[in-house]
Amino acid sequence: MQIPTETTDDLQKRLRRIEGQIRGIQQMLSEERDCREVVTQISAANKALEQVGFNLVAAGLTWCVSNPEQSKKEGYSIEDVQKMFVKLA
């Protein structure tokens, strides 16, 4: 599956941001911050990670629809990509 470079660049940027969020959560725990604040940040990081997954699968689905023969040859049928969406849901 070929994902456009601008998509992978965007996903990498998002993942670095999430990595920073996780470090922030670790720091919050070390500082014994209020549980509600920590949970709010965990929720935000989780949603951001889900968005990375959805964007990746959406780009893959777009590629599969645009290149049906090549995607099938590489083992990415539309059904396989749909299953990836279900895993994220």
C-alpha atoms as a PDB file:
ATOM      1  CA  MET A   1       0.000   0.000   0.000  1.00  0.00           C
ATOM      2  CA  GLN A   2       1.407   3.344  -0.990  1.00  0.00           C
ATOM      3  CA  ILE A   3       0.546   6.206   1.335  1.00  0.00           C
ATOM      4  CA  PRO A   4       1.298   9.718   0.049  1.00  0.00           C
ATOM      5  CA  THR A   5       4.383  11.314   1.570  1.00  0.00           C
ATOM      6  CA  GLU A   6       2.403  14.315   2.813  1.00  0.00           C
ATOM      7  CA  THR A   7       0.075  11.919   4.668  1.00  0.00           C
ATOM      8  CA  THR A   8       2.916  10.027   6.336  1.00  0.00           C
ATOM      9  CA  ASP A   9       4.601  13.325   7.223  1.00  0.00           C
ATOM     10  CA  ASP A  10       1.367  14.525   8.834  1.00  0.00           C
ATOM     11  CA  LEU A  11       0.956  11.239  10.723  1.00  0.00           C
ATOM     12  CA  GLN A  12       4.551  11.438  11.989  1.00  0.00           C
ATOM     13  CA  LYS A  13       3.938  14.986  13.197  1.00  0.00           C
ATOM     14  CA  ARG A  14       0.773  13.917  14.994  1.00  0.00           C
ATOM     15  CA  LEU A  15       2.566  10.985  16.614  1.00  0.00           C
ATOM     16  CA  ARG A  16       5.345  13.262  17.882  1.00  0.00           C
ATOM     17  CA  ARG A  17       2.693  15.519  19.384  1.00  0.00           C
ATOM     18  CA  ILE A  18       1.048  12.506  21.049  1.00  0.00           C
ATOM     19  CA  GLU A  19       4.439  11.412  22.349  1.00  0.00           C
ATOM     20  CA  GLY A  20       4.740  14.819  24.009  1.00  0.00           C
ATOM     21  CA  GLN A  21       1.271  14.441  25.484  1.00  0.00           C
ATOM     22  CA  ILE A  22       2.238  11.070  26.969  1.00  0.00           C
ATOM     23  CA  ARG A  23       5.366  12.562  28.528  1.00  0.00           C
ATOM     24  CA  GLY A  24       3.174  15.312  29.957  1.00  0.00           C
ATOM     25  CA  ILE A  25       0.854  12.702  31.463  1.00  0.00           C
ATOM     26  CA  GLN A  26       3.829  10.923  33.031  1.00  0.00           C
ATOM     27  CA  GLN A  27       4.957  14.226  34.505  1.00  0.00           C
ATOM     28  CA  MET A  28       1.461  14.898  35.827  1.00  0.00           C
ATOM     29  CA  LEU A  29       1.491  11.532  37.593  1.00  0.00           C
ATOM     30  CA  SER A  30       4.932  12.243  39.067  1.00  0.00           C
ATOM     31  CA  GLU A  31       3.621  15.556  40.357  1.00  0.00           C
ATOM     32  CA  GLU A  32       0.548  13.788  41.785  1.00  0.00           C
ATOM     33  CA  ARG A  33      -1.777  16.064  39.847  1.00  0.00           C
ATOM     34  CA  ASP A  34      -5.528  15.797  40.181  1.00  0.00           C
ATOM     35  CA  CYS A  35      -6.893  12.536  38.774  1.00  0.00           C
ATOM     36  CA  ARG A  36      -9.497  14.379  36.677  1.00  0.00           C
ATOM     37  CA  GLU A  37      -6.796  16.403  34.934  1.00  0.00           C
ATOM     38  CA  VAL A  38      -4.782  13.271  34.186  1.00  0.00           C
ATOM     39  CA  VAL A  39      -7.799  11.423  32.815  1.00  0.00           C
ATOM     40  CA  THR A  40      -8.654  14.402  30.602  1.00  0.00           C
ATOM     41  CA  GLN A  41      -5.156  14.305  29.120  1.00  0.00           C
ATOM     42  CA  ILE A  42      -5.276  10.517  28.665  1.00  0.00           C
ATOM     43  CA  SER A  43      -8.577  10.905  26.830  1.00  0.00           C
ATOM     44  CA  ALA A  44      -7.136  13.602  24.569  1.00  0.00           C
ATOM     45  CA  ALA A  45      -4.076  11.476  23.739  1.00  0.00           C
ATOM     46  CA  ASN A  46      -6.286   8.475  23.037  1.00  0.00           C
ATOM     47  CA  LYS A  47      -8.507  10.451  20.654  1.00  0.00           C
ATOM     48  CA  ALA A  48      -5.451  11.853  18.893  1.00  0.00           C
ATOM     49  CA  LEU A  49      -4.055   8.344  18.438  1.00  0.00           C
ATOM     50  CA  GLU A  50      -7.385   7.143  17.065  1.00  0.00           C
ATOM     51  CA  GLN A  51      -7.288   9.989  14.545  1.00  0.00           C
ATOM     52  CA  VAL A  52      -3.856   8.867  13.374  1.00  0.00           C
ATOM     53  CA  GLY A  53      -5.241   5.382  12.809  1.00  0.00           C
ATOM     54  CA  PHE A  54      -8.306   6.616  10.954  1.00  0.00           C
ATOM     55  CA  ASN A  55      -6.252   8.921   8.744  1.00  0.00           C
ATOM     56  CA  LEU A  56      -3.872   6.085   7.911  1.00  0.00           C
ATOM     57  CA  VAL A  57      -6.673   3.680   7.026  1.00  0.00           C
ATOM     58  CA  ALA A  58      -8.522   6.361   5.039  1.00  0.00           C
ATOM     59  CA  ALA A  59      -5.388   7.002   2.987  1.00  0.00           C
ATOM     60  CA  GLY A  60      -5.017   3.269   2.462  1.00  0.00           C
ATOM     61  CA  LEU A  61      -8.616   2.898   1.375  1.00  0.00           C
ATOM     62  CA  THR A  62      -8.221   5.776  -1.062  1.00  0.00           C
ATOM     63  CA  TRP A  63      -5.164   4.062  -2.534  1.00  0.00           C
ATOM     64  CA  CYS A  64      -6.970   0.707  -2.792  1.00  0.00           C
ATOM     65  CA  VAL A  65      -9.932   2.253  -4.593  1.00  0.00           C
ATOM     66  CA  SER A  66      -7.628   4.159  -6.953  1.00  0.00           C
ATOM     67  CA  ASN A  67      -5.398   1.125  -7.629  1.00  0.00           C
ATOM     68  CA  PRO A  68      -7.628  -1.968  -7.317  1.00  0.00           C
ATOM     69  CA  GLU A  69      -5.413  -4.366  -9.259  1.00  0.00           C
ATOM     70  CA  GLN A  70      -2.184  -3.401  -7.488  1.00  0.00           C
ATOM     71  CA  SER A  71      -3.824  -3.343  -4.065  1.00  0.00           C
ATOM     72  CA  LYS A  72      -5.273  -6.814  -4.573  1.00  0.00           C
ATOM     73  CA  LYS A  73      -1.858  -8.048  -5.751  1.00  0.00           C
ATOM     74  CA  GLU A  74      -0.294  -6.640  -2.568  1.00  0.00           C
ATOM     75  CA  GLY A  75      -2.945  -8.326  -0.421  1.00  0.00           C
ATOM     76  CA  TYR A  76      -5.057  -5.263   0.355  1.00  0.00           C
ATOM     77  CA  SER A  77      -8.583  -5.955  -0.762  1.00  0.00           C
ATOM     78  CA  ILE A  78     -11.274  -3.406   0.052  1.00  0.00           C
ATOM     79  CA  GLU A  79     -12.615  -5.889   2.612  1.00  0.00           C
ATOM     80  CA  ASP A  80      -9.216  -6.005   4.363  1.00  0.00           C
ATOM     81  CA  VAL A  81      -9.106  -2.228   4.645  1.00  0.00           C
ATOM     82  CA  GLN A  82     -12.694  -2.165   5.919  1.00  0.00           C
ATOM     83  CA  LYS A  83     -11.649  -4.634   8.624  1.00  0.00           C
ATOM     84  CA  MET A  84      -8.898  -2.211   9.656  1.00  0.00           C
ATOM     85  CA  PHE A  85     -11.547   0.503  10.114  1.00  0.00           C
ATOM     86  CA  VAL A  86     -13.569  -1.862  12.292  1.00  0.00           C
ATOM     87  CA  LYS A  87     -10.510  -2.571  14.452  1.00  0.00           C
ATOM     88  CA  LEU A  88     -10.199   1.152  15.144  1.00  0.00           C
ATOM     89  CA  ALA A  89     -13.891   1.653  15.876  1.00  0.00           C
END
